[in-house]
């Protein structure tokens, strides 16, 4: 429940910040629906989702240390790949990605604390 609530909260904050900052995309509005770029929703959700998945796996599944490190590196690579693709495709500026990572990191921290608190 904590993960679901923080996921919904992060989506609401993405929408709120996009409308509050109203920063145009690098190549303009392509679809007519989502024309604002700051913060990157893909970067926010990728960091939150894969970070939370990594936290839950490490919290509730017994893994060897090397497997945990490899899993963490895989998730980090996946997050960075998603972020790079958003800049490469021209949907975001690099600062949009940094803002998305910051927002996703805040919600990841809140969700991890809630999960650990509720588990005990």
PDB file of N, CA and C in Angstrom:
ATOM      1  N   UNK A   1       0.824  -1.188   0.000  1.00  0.00           N
ATOM      2  CA  UNK A   1       0.000   0.000   0.000  1.00  0.00           C
ATOM      3  C   UNK A   1       0.872   1.258   0.000  1.00  0.00           C
ATOM      4  N   UNK A   2       1.976   1.215   0.760  1.00  0.00           N
ATOM      5  CA  UNK A   2       2.881   2.368   0.813  1.00  0.00           C
ATOM      6  C   UNK A   2       3.498   2.636  -0.553  1.00  0.00           C
ATOM      7  N   UNK A   3       3.860   1.573  -1.263  1.00  0.00           N
ATOM      8  CA  UNK A   3       4.452   1.730  -2.592  1.00  0.00           C
ATOM      9  C   UNK A   3       3.427   2.313  -3.562  1.00  0.00           C
ATOM     10  N   UNK A   4       2.210   1.832  -3.506  1.00  0.00           N
ATOM     11  CA  UNK A   4       1.162   2.335  -4.395  1.00  0.00           C
ATOM     12  C   UNK A   4       0.862   3.810  -4.116  1.00  0.00           C
ATOM     13  N   UNK A   5       0.766   4.184  -2.859  1.00  0.00           N
ATOM     14  CA  UNK A   5       0.470   5.577  -2.525  1.00  0.00           C
ATOM     15  C   UNK A   5       1.591   6.520  -2.944  1.00  0.00           C
ATOM     16  N   UNK A   6       2.840   6.115  -2.741  1.00  0.00           N
ATOM     17  CA  UNK A   6       3.935   6.988  -3.156  1.00  0.00           C
ATOM     18  C   UNK A   6       4.078   7.026  -4.674  1.00  0.00           C
ATOM     19  N   UNK A   7       3.717   5.959  -5.363  1.00  0.00           N
ATOM     20  CA  UNK A   7       3.721   5.978  -6.825  1.00  0.00           C
ATOM     21  C   UNK A   7       2.668   6.952  -7.350  1.00  0.00           C
ATOM     22  N   UNK A   8       1.489   6.931  -6.768  1.00  0.00           N
ATOM     23  CA  UNK A   8       0.446   7.877  -7.152  1.00  0.00           C
ATOM     24  C   UNK A   8       0.873   9.301  -6.811  1.00  0.00           C
ATOM     25  N   UNK A   9       1.488   9.466  -5.647  1.00  0.00           N
ATOM     26  CA  UNK A   9       1.973  10.790  -5.253  1.00  0.00           C
ATOM     27  C   UNK A   9       3.027  11.327  -6.193  1.00  0.00           C
ATOM     28  N   UNK A  10       3.936  10.479  -6.630  1.00  0.00           N
ATOM     29  CA  UNK A  10       4.969  10.941  -7.564  1.00  0.00           C
ATOM     30  C   UNK A  10       4.361  11.333  -8.899  1.00  0.00           C
ATOM     31  N   UNK A  11       3.363  10.603  -9.354  1.00  0.00           N
ATOM     32  CA  UNK A  11       2.693  10.958 -10.611  1.00  0.00           C
ATOM     33  C   UNK A  11       1.976  12.298 -10.487  1.00  0.00           C
ATOM     34  N   UNK A  12       1.354  12.541  -9.346  1.00  0.00           N
ATOM     35  CA  UNK A  12       0.685  13.823  -9.128  1.00  0.00           C
ATOM     36  C   UNK A  12       1.686  14.972  -9.080  1.00  0.00           C
ATOM     37  N   UNK A  13       2.828  14.751  -8.440  1.00  0.00           N
ATOM     38  CA  UNK A  13       3.841  15.802  -8.381  1.00  0.00           C
ATOM     39  C   UNK A  13       4.471  16.061  -9.747  1.00  0.00           C
ATOM     40  N   UNK A  14       4.631  15.030 -10.557  1.00  0.00           N
ATOM     41  CA  UNK A  14       5.130  15.241 -11.921  1.00  0.00           C
ATOM     42  C   UNK A  14       4.176  16.165 -12.676  1.00  0.00           C
ATOM     43  N   UNK A  15       2.891  15.857 -12.607  1.00  0.00           N
ATOM     44  CA  UNK A  15       1.890  16.685 -13.283  1.00  0.00           C
ATOM     45  C   UNK A  15       1.891  18.108 -12.728  1.00  0.00           C
ATOM     46  N   UNK A  16       1.958  18.246 -11.411  1.00  0.00           N
ATOM     47  CA  UNK A  16       1.949  19.561 -10.787  1.00  0.00           C
ATOM     48  C   UNK A  16       3.156  20.388 -11.217  1.00  0.00           C
ATOM     49  N   UNK A  17       4.344  19.787 -11.187  1.00  0.00           N
ATOM     50  CA  UNK A  17       5.546  20.522 -11.565  1.00  0.00           C
ATOM     51  C   UNK A  17       5.575  20.847 -13.051  1.00  0.00           C
ATOM     52  N   UNK A  18       5.097  19.944 -13.887  1.00  0.00           N
ATOM     53  CA  UNK A  18       5.059  20.231 -15.327  1.00  0.00           C
ATOM     54  C   UNK A  18       4.167  21.438 -15.618  1.00  0.00           C
ATOM     55  N   UNK A  19       3.010  21.507 -14.968  1.00  0.00           N
ATOM     56  CA  UNK A  19       2.130  22.646 -15.207  1.00  0.00           C
ATOM     57  C   UNK A  19       2.649  23.906 -14.518  1.00  0.00           C
ATOM     58  N   UNK A  20       3.333  23.760 -13.393  1.00  0.00           N
ATOM     59  CA  UNK A  20       3.834  24.920 -12.676  1.00  0.00           C
ATOM     60  C   UNK A  20       5.010  25.566 -13.419  1.00  0.00           C
ATOM     61  N   UNK A  21       5.946  24.750 -13.910  1.00  0.00           N
ATOM     62  CA  UNK A  21       7.112  25.292 -14.600  1.00  0.00           C
ATOM     63  C   UNK A  21       6.834  25.584 -16.072  1.00  0.00           C
ATOM     64  N   UNK A  22       5.992  24.808 -16.709  1.00  0.00           N
ATOM     65  CA  UNK A  22       5.586  24.996 -18.115  1.00  0.00           C
ATOM     66  C   UNK A  22       6.775  25.188 -19.054  1.00  0.00           C
ATOM     67  N   UNK A  23       7.771  24.371 -18.916  1.00  0.00           N
ATOM     68  CA  UNK A  23       8.959  24.448 -19.769  1.00  0.00           C
ATOM     69  C   UNK A  23       8.720  23.655 -21.047  1.00  0.00           C
ATOM     70  N   UNK A  24       8.898  24.298 -22.174  1.00  0.00           N
ATOM     71  CA  UNK A  24       8.689  23.642 -23.471  1.00  0.00           C
ATOM     72  C   UNK A  24       9.749  22.571 -23.720  1.00  0.00           C
ATOM     73  N   UNK A  25       9.371  21.576 -24.491  1.00  0.00           N
ATOM     74  CA  UNK A  25      10.312  20.522 -24.880  1.00  0.00           C
ATOM     75  C   UNK A  25      11.339  21.074 -25.861  1.00  0.00           C
ATOM     76  N   UNK A  26      12.509  20.421 -25.975  1.00  0.00           N
ATOM     77  CA  UNK A  26      13.554  20.937 -26.871  1.00  0.00           C
ATOM     78  C   UNK A  26      13.113  21.112 -28.319  1.00  0.00           C
ATOM     79  N   UNK A  27      12.312  20.204 -28.842  1.00  0.00           N
ATOM     80  CA  UNK A  27      11.866  20.312 -30.228  1.00  0.00           C
ATOM     81  C   UNK A  27      10.416  20.726 -30.328  1.00  0.00           C
ATOM     82  N   UNK A  28       9.873  21.285 -29.248  1.00  0.00           N
ATOM     83  CA  UNK A  28       8.494  21.741 -29.260  1.00  0.00           C
ATOM     84  C   UNK A  28       7.526  20.613 -28.944  1.00  0.00           C
ATOM     85  N   UNK A  29       6.259  20.942 -29.053  1.00  0.00           N
ATOM     86  CA  UNK A  29       5.201  19.984 -28.745  1.00  0.00           C
ATOM     87  C   UNK A  29       4.939  19.107 -29.967  1.00  0.00           C
ATOM     88  N   UNK A  30       5.118  17.816 -29.811  1.00  0.00           N
ATOM     89  CA  UNK A  30       4.977  16.915 -30.949  1.00  0.00           C
ATOM     90  C   UNK A  30       3.590  16.278 -31.037  1.00  0.00           C
ATOM     91  N   UNK A  31       2.969  15.998 -29.887  1.00  0.00           N
ATOM     92  CA  UNK A  31       1.707  15.268 -29.920  1.00  0.00           C
ATOM     93  C   UNK A  31       0.497  16.134 -29.632  1.00  0.00           C
ATOM     94  N   UNK A  32       0.702  17.292 -29.030  1.00  0.00           N
ATOM     95  CA  UNK A  32      -0.421  18.142 -28.690  1.00  0.00           C
ATOM     96  C   UNK A  32      -0.990  17.886 -27.308  1.00  0.00           C
ATOM     97  N   UNK A  33      -0.546  16.798 -26.641  1.00  0.00           N
ATOM     98  CA  UNK A  33      -1.054  16.482 -25.310  1.00  0.00           C
ATOM     99  C   UNK A  33      -0.076  16.919 -24.226  1.00  0.00           C
ATOM    100  N   UNK A  34       1.087  16.352 -24.213  1.00  0.00           N
ATOM    101  CA  UNK A  34       2.074  16.618 -23.164  1.00  0.00           C
ATOM    102  C   UNK A  34       3.195  17.466 -23.743  1.00  0.00           C
ATOM    103  N   UNK A  35       3.081  18.771 -23.608  1.00  0.00           N
ATOM    104  CA  UNK A  35       4.030  19.673 -24.244  1.00  0.00           C
ATOM    105  C   UNK A  35       5.119  20.190 -23.309  1.00  0.00           C
ATOM    106  N   UNK A  36       5.055  19.847 -22.036  1.00  0.00           N
ATOM    107  CA  UNK A  36       6.020  20.368 -21.076  1.00  0.00           C
ATOM    108  C   UNK A  36       7.034  19.295 -20.702  1.00  0.00           C
ATOM    109  N   UNK A  37       8.260  19.755 -20.389  1.00  0.00           N
ATOM    110  CA  UNK A  37       9.336  18.787 -20.225  1.00  0.00           C
ATOM    111  C   UNK A  37       9.898  18.674 -18.821  1.00  0.00           C
ATOM    112  N   UNK A  38       9.676  19.655 -17.943  1.00  0.00           N
ATOM    113  CA  UNK A  38      10.313  19.607 -16.626  1.00  0.00           C
ATOM    114  C   UNK A  38       9.316  19.258 -15.549  1.00  0.00           C
ATOM    115  N   UNK A  39       9.582  18.262 -14.740  1.00  0.00           N
ATOM    116  CA  UNK A  39      10.656  17.264 -14.744  1.00  0.00           C
ATOM    117  C   UNK A  39      10.295  16.090 -15.648  1.00  0.00           C
ATOM    118  N   UNK A  40      11.268  15.292 -15.956  1.00  0.00           N
ATOM    119  CA  UNK A  40      11.032  14.126 -16.802  1.00  0.00           C
ATOM    120  C   UNK A  40      10.266  13.057 -16.034  1.00  0.00           C
ATOM    121  N   UNK A  41       9.089  12.748 -16.507  1.00  0.00           N
ATOM    122  CA  UNK A  41       8.286  11.707 -15.874  1.00  0.00           C
ATOM    123  C   UNK A  41       8.912  10.335 -16.012  1.00  0.00           C
ATOM    124  N   UNK A  42       9.526  10.082 -17.171  1.00  0.00           N
ATOM    125  CA  UNK A  42      10.176   8.785 -17.375  1.00  0.00           C
ATOM    126  C   UNK A  42      11.344   8.601 -16.400  1.00  0.00           C
ATOM    127  N   UNK A  43      12.156   9.646 -16.216  1.00  0.00           N
ATOM    128  CA  UNK A  43      13.289   9.545 -15.294  1.00  0.00           C
ATOM    129  C   UNK A  43      12.798   9.379 -13.861  1.00  0.00           C
ATOM    130  N   UNK A  44      11.746  10.104 -13.496  1.00  0.00           N
ATOM    131  CA  UNK A  44      11.208  10.009 -12.139  1.00  0.00           C
ATOM    132  C   UNK A  44      10.700   8.608 -11.853  1.00  0.00           C
ATOM    133  N   UNK A  45       9.855   8.108 -12.727  1.00  0.00           N
ATOM    134  CA  UNK A  45       9.242   6.798 -12.499  1.00  0.00           C
ATOM    135  C   UNK A  45      10.270   5.680 -12.621  1.00  0.00           C
ATOM    136  N   UNK A  46      11.236   5.804 -13.547  1.00  0.00           N
ATOM    137  CA  UNK A  46      12.268   4.774 -13.684  1.00  0.00           C
ATOM    138  C   UNK A  46      13.099   4.671 -12.411  1.00  0.00           C
ATOM    139  N   UNK A  47      13.548   5.828 -11.892  1.00  0.00           N
ATOM    140  CA  UNK A  47      14.337   5.799 -10.668  1.00  0.00           C
ATOM    141  C   UNK A  47      13.511   5.263  -9.507  1.00  0.00           C
ATOM    142  N   UNK A  48      12.282   5.721  -9.408  1.00  0.00           N
ATOM    143  CA  UNK A  48      11.427   5.263  -8.308  1.00  0.00           C
ATOM    144  C   UNK A  48      11.131   3.765  -8.418  1.00  0.00           C
ATOM    145  N   UNK A  49      10.682   3.322  -9.587  1.00  0.00           N
ATOM    146  CA  UNK A  49      10.247   1.939  -9.747  1.00  0.00           C
ATOM    147  C   UNK A  49      11.401   0.952  -9.577  1.00  0.00           C
ATOM    148  N   UNK A  50      12.482   1.155 -10.320  1.00  0.00           N
ATOM    149  CA  UNK A  50      13.589   0.207 -10.243  1.00  0.00           C
ATOM    150  C   UNK A  50      14.329   0.312  -8.911  1.00  0.00           C
ATOM    151  N   UNK A  51      14.383   1.515  -8.346  1.00  0.00           N
ATOM    152  CA  UNK A  51      14.978   1.662  -7.022  1.00  0.00           C
ATOM    153  C   UNK A  51      14.157   0.953  -5.956  1.00  0.00           C
ATOM    154  N   UNK A  52      12.836   1.081  -6.045  1.00  0.00           N
ATOM    155  CA  UNK A  52      11.961   0.417  -5.078  1.00  0.00           C
ATOM    156  C   UNK A  52      12.009  -1.093  -5.266  1.00  0.00           C
ATOM    157  N   UNK A  53      12.043  -1.538  -6.506  1.00  0.00           N
ATOM    158  CA  UNK A  53      12.160  -2.968  -6.775  1.00  0.00           C
ATOM    159  C   UNK A  53      13.458  -3.520  -6.181  1.00  0.00           C
ATOM    160  N   UNK A  54      14.543  -2.782  -6.352  1.00  0.00           N
ATOM    161  CA  UNK A  54      15.829  -3.199  -5.787  1.00  0.00           C
ATOM    162  C   UNK A  54      15.760  -3.225  -4.260  1.00  0.00           C
ATOM    163  N   UNK A  55      15.143  -2.220  -3.671  1.00  0.00           N
ATOM    164  CA  UNK A  55      15.016  -2.178  -2.209  1.00  0.00           C
ATOM    165  C   UNK A  55      14.186  -3.352  -1.697  1.00  0.00           C
ATOM    166  N   UNK A  56      13.073  -3.629  -2.349  1.00  0.00           N
ATOM    167  CA  UNK A  56      12.213  -4.728  -1.903  1.00  0.00           C
ATOM    168  C   UNK A  56      12.898  -6.077  -2.053  1.00  0.00           C
ATOM    169  N   UNK A  57      13.634  -6.254  -3.141  1.00  0.00           N
ATOM    170  CA  UNK A  57      14.359  -7.511  -3.333  1.00  0.00           C
ATOM    171  C   UNK A  57      15.423  -7.669  -2.251  1.00  0.00           C
ATOM    172  N   UNK A  58      16.174  -6.610  -1.992  1.00  0.00           N
ATOM    173  CA  UNK A  58      17.209  -6.694  -0.959  1.00  0.00           C
ATOM    174  C   UNK A  58      16.625  -6.849   0.435  1.00  0.00           C
ATOM    175  N   UNK A  59      15.448  -6.322   0.651  1.00  0.00           N
ATOM    176  CA  UNK A  59      14.825  -6.375   1.985  1.00  0.00           C
ATOM    177  C   UNK A  59      14.218  -7.737   2.287  1.00  0.00           C
ATOM    178  N   UNK A  60      13.612  -8.359   1.270  1.00  0.00           N
ATOM    179  CA  UNK A  60      12.823  -9.557   1.532  1.00  0.00           C
ATOM    180  C   UNK A  60      13.362 -10.842   0.899  1.00  0.00           C
ATOM    181  N   UNK A  61      14.386 -10.765   0.084  1.00  0.00           N
ATOM    182  CA  UNK A  61      14.955 -11.948  -0.560  1.00  0.00           C
ATOM    183  C   UNK A  61      16.421 -12.056  -0.161  1.00  0.00           C
ATOM    184  N   UNK A  62      16.807 -13.241   0.270  1.00  0.00           N
ATOM    185  CA  UNK A  62      18.210 -13.481   0.633  1.00  0.00           C
ATOM    186  C   UNK A  62      19.016 -13.701  -0.647  1.00  0.00           C
ATOM    187  N   UNK A  63      19.940 -12.792  -0.903  1.00  0.00           N
ATOM    188  CA  UNK A  63      20.809 -12.896  -2.072  1.00  0.00           C
ATOM    189  C   UNK A  63      22.262 -12.928  -1.621  1.00  0.00           C
ATOM    190  N   UNK A  64      23.090 -13.561  -2.432  1.00  0.00           N
ATOM    191  CA  UNK A  64      24.520 -13.463  -2.187  1.00  0.00           C
ATOM    192  C   UNK A  64      24.938 -12.020  -2.482  1.00  0.00           C
ATOM    193  N   UNK A  65      26.008 -11.599  -1.846  1.00  0.00           N
ATOM    194  CA  UNK A  65      26.443 -10.210  -1.977  1.00  0.00           C
ATOM    195  C   UNK A  65      26.755  -9.842  -3.428  1.00  0.00           C
ATOM    196  N   UNK A  66      27.396 -10.733  -4.159  1.00  0.00           N
ATOM    197  CA  UNK A  66      27.758 -10.442  -5.549  1.00  0.00           C
ATOM    198  C   UNK A  66      26.507 -10.330  -6.426  1.00  0.00           C
ATOM    199  N   UNK A  67      25.506 -11.142  -6.144  1.00  0.00           N
ATOM    200  CA  UNK A  67      24.251 -11.078  -6.915  1.00  0.00           C
ATOM    201  C   UNK A  67      23.544  -9.758  -6.634  1.00  0.00           C
ATOM    202  N   UNK A  68      23.572  -9.321  -5.379  1.00  0.00           N
ATOM    203  CA  UNK A  68      22.982  -8.031  -5.030  1.00  0.00           C
ATOM    204  C   UNK A  68      23.670  -6.879  -5.740  1.00  0.00           C
ATOM    205  N   UNK A  69      25.006  -6.914  -5.786  1.00  0.00           N
ATOM    206  CA  UNK A  69      25.755  -5.881  -6.501  1.00  0.00           C
ATOM    207  C   UNK A  69      25.441  -5.889  -7.996  1.00  0.00           C
ATOM    208  N   UNK A  70      25.407  -7.073  -8.592  1.00  0.00           N
ATOM    209  CA  UNK A  70      25.115  -7.160 -10.025  1.00  0.00           C
ATOM    210  C   UNK A  70      23.695  -6.686 -10.340  1.00  0.00           C
ATOM    211  N   UNK A  71      22.760  -7.025  -9.481  1.00  0.00           N
ATOM    212  CA  UNK A  71      21.387  -6.577  -9.660  1.00  0.00           C
ATOM    213  C   UNK A  71      21.305  -5.054  -9.544  1.00  0.00           C
ATOM    214  N   UNK A  72      22.007  -4.485  -8.570  1.00  0.00           N
ATOM    215  CA  UNK A  72      22.039  -3.034  -8.412  1.00  0.00           C
ATOM    216  C   UNK A  72      22.650  -2.347  -9.615  1.00  0.00           C
ATOM    217  N   UNK A  73      23.739  -2.896 -10.138  1.00  0.00           N
ATOM    218  CA  UNK A  73      24.361  -2.328 -11.338  1.00  0.00           C
ATOM    219  C   UNK A  73      23.448  -2.433 -12.556  1.00  0.00           C
ATOM    220  N   UNK A  74      22.742  -3.546 -12.664  1.00  0.00           N
ATOM    221  CA  UNK A  74      21.813  -3.715 -13.780  1.00  0.00           C
ATOM    222  C   UNK A  74      20.697  -2.671 -13.722  1.00  0.00           C
ATOM    223  N   UNK A  75      20.103  -2.483 -12.536  1.00  0.00           N
ATOM    224  CA  UNK A  75      19.039  -1.492 -12.395  1.00  0.00           C
ATOM    225  C   UNK A  75      19.560  -0.075 -12.637  1.00  0.00           C
ATOM    226  N   UNK A  76      20.765   0.227 -12.134  1.00  0.00           N
ATOM    227  CA  UNK A  76      21.349   1.555 -12.363  1.00  0.00           C
ATOM    228  C   UNK A  76      21.583   1.791 -13.852  1.00  0.00           C
ATOM    229  N   UNK A  77      22.085   0.778 -14.550  1.00  0.00           N
ATOM    230  CA  UNK A  77      22.302   0.890 -15.991  1.00  0.00           C
ATOM    231  C   UNK A  77      20.982   1.103 -16.724  1.00  0.00           C
ATOM    232  N   UNK A  78      19.960   0.394 -16.321  1.00  0.00           N
ATOM    233  CA  UNK A  78      18.646   0.535 -16.943  1.00  0.00           C
ATOM    234  C   UNK A  78      18.078   1.939 -16.731  1.00  0.00           C
ATOM    235  N   UNK A  79      18.209   2.467 -15.528  1.00  0.00           N
ATOM    236  CA  UNK A  79      17.727   3.818 -15.222  1.00  0.00           C
ATOM    237  C   UNK A  79      18.475   4.849 -16.063  1.00  0.00           C
ATOM    238  N   UNK A  80      19.796   4.726 -16.129  1.00  0.00           N
ATOM    239  CA  UNK A  80      20.582   5.671 -16.921  1.00  0.00           C
ATOM    240  C   UNK A  80      20.286   5.556 -18.410  1.00  0.00           C
ATOM    241  N   UNK A  81      20.032   4.356 -18.872  1.00  0.00           N
ATOM    242  CA  UNK A  81      19.688   4.150 -20.275  1.00  0.00           C
ATOM    243  C   UNK A  81      18.360   4.817 -20.621  1.00  0.00           C
ATOM    244  N   UNK A  82      17.380   4.696 -19.753  1.00  0.00           N
ATOM    245  CA  UNK A  82      16.093   5.359 -19.967  1.00  0.00           C
ATOM    246  C   UNK A  82      16.288   6.866 -19.987  1.00  0.00           C
ATOM    247  N   UNK A  83      17.070   7.386 -19.037  1.00  0.00           N
ATOM    248  CA  UNK A  83      17.299   8.834 -18.968  1.00  0.00           C
ATOM    249  C   UNK A  83      18.034   9.331 -20.214  1.00  0.00           C
ATOM    250  N   UNK A  84      19.063   8.608 -20.637  1.00  0.00           N
ATOM    251  CA  UNK A  84      19.809   9.002 -21.832  1.00  0.00           C
ATOM    252  C   UNK A  84      18.916   8.987 -23.068  1.00  0.00           C
ATOM    253  N   UNK A  85      18.038   8.011 -23.158  1.00  0.00           N
ATOM    254  CA  UNK A  85      17.170   7.921 -24.332  1.00  0.00           C
ATOM    255  C   UNK A  85      16.236   9.124 -24.426  1.00  0.00           C
ATOM    256  N   UNK A  86      15.800   9.672 -23.297  1.00  0.00           N
ATOM    257  CA  UNK A  86      14.910  10.831 -23.307  1.00  0.00           C
ATOM    258  C   UNK A  86      15.619  12.068 -23.852  1.00  0.00           C
ATOM    259  N   UNK A  87      16.904  12.219 -23.495  1.00  0.00           N
ATOM    260  CA  UNK A  87      17.684  13.352 -24.015  1.00  0.00           C
ATOM    261  C   UNK A  87      18.024  13.109 -25.474  1.00  0.00           C
ATOM    262  N   UNK A  88      18.418  11.900 -25.813  1.00  0.00           N
ATOM    263  CA  UNK A  88      18.815  11.558 -27.181  1.00  0.00           C
ATOM    264  C   UNK A  88      17.659  11.756 -28.161  1.00  0.00           C
ATOM    265  N   UNK A  89      16.459  11.377 -27.762  1.00  0.00           N
ATOM    266  CA  UNK A  89      15.305  11.514 -28.640  1.00  0.00           C
ATOM    267  C   UNK A  89      14.782  12.948 -28.730  1.00  0.00           C
ATOM    268  N   UNK A  90      15.303  13.824 -27.887  1.00  0.00           N
ATOM    269  CA  UNK A  90      14.930  15.223 -27.948  1.00  0.00           C
ATOM    270  C   UNK A  90      13.674  15.581 -27.175  1.00  0.00           C
ATOM    271  N   UNK A  91      13.265  14.720 -26.271  1.00  0.00           N
ATOM    272  CA  UNK A  91      12.084  15.025 -25.471  1.00  0.00           C
ATOM    273  C   UNK A  91      12.416  15.847 -24.234  1.00  0.00           C
ATOM    274  N   UNK A  92      13.682  15.802 -23.783  1.00  0.00           N
ATOM    275  CA  UNK A  92      14.052  16.484 -22.552  1.00  0.00           C
ATOM    276  C   UNK A  92      15.433  17.110 -22.656  1.00  0.00           C
ATOM    277  N   UNK A  93      15.614  18.154 -21.844  1.00  0.00           N
ATOM    278  CA  UNK A  93      16.940  18.708 -21.593  1.00  0.00           C
ATOM    279  C   UNK A  93      17.583  17.886 -20.476  1.00  0.00           C
ATOM    280  N   UNK A  94      18.906  17.913 -20.363  1.00  0.00           N
ATOM    281  CA  UNK A  94      19.547  17.182 -19.254  1.00  0.00           C
ATOM    282  C   UNK A  94      19.063  17.643 -17.868  1.00  0.00           C
ATOM    283  N   UNK A  95      18.730  18.908 -17.728  1.00  0.00           N
ATOM    284  CA  UNK A  95      18.240  19.382 -16.429  1.00  0.00           C
ATOM    285  C   UNK A  95      16.866  18.796 -16.092  1.00  0.00           C
ATOM    286  N   UNK A  96      16.086  18.454 -17.103  1.00  0.00           N
ATOM    287  CA  UNK A  96      14.806  17.781 -16.860  1.00  0.00           C
ATOM    288  C   UNK A  96      15.040  16.409 -16.238  1.00  0.00           C
ATOM    289  N   UNK A  97      16.083  15.736 -16.696  1.00  0.00           N
ATOM    290  CA  UNK A  97      16.434  14.420 -16.167  1.00  0.00           C
ATOM    291  C   UNK A  97      16.893  14.543 -14.720  1.00  0.00           C
ATOM    292  N   UNK A  98      17.716  15.545 -14.441  1.00  0.00           N
ATOM    293  CA  UNK A  98      18.198  15.752 -13.071  1.00  0.00           C
ATOM    294  C   UNK A  98      17.016  16.052 -12.143  1.00  0.00           C
ATOM    295  N   UNK A  99      16.094  16.889 -12.587  1.00  0.00           N
ATOM    296  CA  UNK A  99      14.896  17.173 -11.798  1.00  0.00           C
ATOM    297  C   UNK A  99      14.052  15.934 -11.579  1.00  0.00           C
ATOM    298  N   UNK A 100      13.930  15.099 -12.602  1.00  0.00           N
ATOM    299  CA  UNK A 100      13.193  13.852 -12.471  1.00  0.00           C
ATOM    300  C   UNK A 100      13.852  12.893 -11.504  1.00  0.00           C
ATOM    301  N   UNK A 101      15.185  12.810 -11.562  1.00  0.00           N
ATOM    302  CA  UNK A 101      15.915  11.960 -10.612  1.00  0.00           C
ATOM    303  C   UNK A 101      15.732  12.466  -9.182  1.00  0.00           C
ATOM    304  N   UNK A 102      15.765  13.788  -9.004  1.00  0.00           N
ATOM    305  CA  UNK A 102      15.590  14.354  -7.673  1.00  0.00           C
ATOM    306  C   UNK A 102      14.206  14.019  -7.116  1.00  0.00           C
ATOM    307  N   UNK A 103      13.172  14.216  -7.942  1.00  0.00           N
ATOM    308  CA  UNK A 103      11.811  13.922  -7.510  1.00  0.00           C
ATOM    309  C   UNK A 103      11.618  12.428  -7.253  1.00  0.00           C
ATOM    310  N   UNK A 104      12.138  11.592  -8.145  1.00  0.00           N
ATOM    311  CA  UNK A 104      12.043  10.150  -7.958  1.00  0.00           C
ATOM    312  C   UNK A 104      12.800   9.674  -6.736  1.00  0.00           C
ATOM    313  N   UNK A 105      13.949  10.291  -6.461  1.00  0.00           N
ATOM    314  CA  UNK A 105      14.728   9.933  -5.288  1.00  0.00           C
ATOM    315  C   UNK A 105      14.018  10.269  -3.985  1.00  0.00           C
ATOM    316  N   UNK A 106      13.332  11.404  -3.974  1.00  0.00           N
ATOM    317  CA  UNK A 106      12.579  11.787  -2.777  1.00  0.00           C
ATOM    318  C   UNK A 106      11.467  10.770  -2.508  1.00  0.00           C
ATOM    319  N   UNK A 107      10.715  10.427  -3.544  1.00  0.00           N
ATOM    320  CA  UNK A 107       9.628   9.472  -3.351  1.00  0.00           C
ATOM    321  C   UNK A 107      10.145   8.065  -3.075  1.00  0.00           C
ATOM    322  N   UNK A 108      11.290   7.712  -3.629  1.00  0.00           N
ATOM    323  CA  UNK A 108      11.904   6.423  -3.315  1.00  0.00           C
ATOM    324  C   UNK A 108      12.298   6.366  -1.841  1.00  0.00           C
ATOM    325  N   UNK A 109      12.871   7.430  -1.336  1.00  0.00           N
ATOM    326  CA  UNK A 109      13.261   7.483   0.067  1.00  0.00           C
ATOM    327  C   UNK A 109      12.039   7.383   0.980  1.00  0.00           C
ATOM    328  N   UNK A 110      10.998   8.118   0.658  1.00  0.00           N
ATOM    329  CA  UNK A 110       9.772   8.075   1.462  1.00  0.00           C
ATOM    330  C   UNK A 110       9.172   6.666   1.438  1.00  0.00           C
ATOM    331  N   UNK A 111       9.103   6.060   0.262  1.00  0.00           N
ATOM    332  CA  UNK A 111       8.520   4.719   0.150  1.00  0.00           C
ATOM    333  C   UNK A 111       9.364   3.684   0.884  1.00  0.00           C
ATOM    334  N   UNK A 112      10.686   3.770   0.796  1.00  0.00           N
ATOM    335  CA  UNK A 112      11.550   2.815   1.487  1.00  0.00           C
ATOM    336  C   UNK A 112      11.410   2.943   2.994  1.00  0.00           C
ATOM    337  N   UNK A 113      11.323   4.170   3.488  1.00  0.00           N
ATOM    338  CA  UNK A 113      11.132   4.366   4.931  1.00  0.00           C
ATOM    339  C   UNK A 113       9.777   3.831   5.364  1.00  0.00           C
ATOM    340  N   UNK A 114       8.741   4.097   4.572  1.00  0.00           N
ATOM    341  CA  UNK A 114       7.410   3.580   4.916  1.00  0.00           C
ATOM    342  C   UNK A 114       7.376   2.057   4.928  1.00  0.00           C
ATOM    343  N   UNK A 115       7.974   1.444   3.924  1.00  0.00           N
ATOM    344  CA  UNK A 115       7.975  -0.022   3.859  1.00  0.00           C
ATOM    345  C   UNK A 115       8.725  -0.597   5.056  1.00  0.00           C
ATOM    346  N   UNK A 116       9.870  -0.036   5.374  1.00  0.00           N
ATOM    347  CA  UNK A 116      10.631  -0.547   6.517  1.00  0.00           C
ATOM    348  C   UNK A 116       9.889  -0.307   7.829  1.00  0.00           C
ATOM    349  N   UNK A 117       9.244   0.856   7.963  1.00  0.00           N
ATOM    350  CA  UNK A 117       8.496   1.175   9.176  1.00  0.00           C
ATOM    351  C   UNK A 117       7.279   0.256   9.325  1.00  0.00           C
ATOM    352  N   UNK A 118       6.544   0.048   8.249  1.00  0.00           N
ATOM    353  CA  UNK A 118       5.344  -0.782   8.317  1.00  0.00           C
ATOM    354  C   UNK A 118       5.683  -2.269   8.455  1.00  0.00           C
ATOM    355  N   UNK A 119       6.834  -2.686   7.944  1.00  0.00           N
ATOM    356  CA  UNK A 119       7.235  -4.077   8.050  1.00  0.00           C
ATOM    357  C   UNK A 119       7.562  -4.451   9.496  1.00  0.00           C
ATOM    358  N   UNK A 120       8.116  -3.502  10.229  1.00  0.00           N
ATOM    359  CA  UNK A 120       8.449  -3.772  11.633  1.00  0.00           C
ATOM    360  C   UNK A 120       7.216  -3.597  12.434  1.00  0.00           C
TER     361      UNK A 120
END
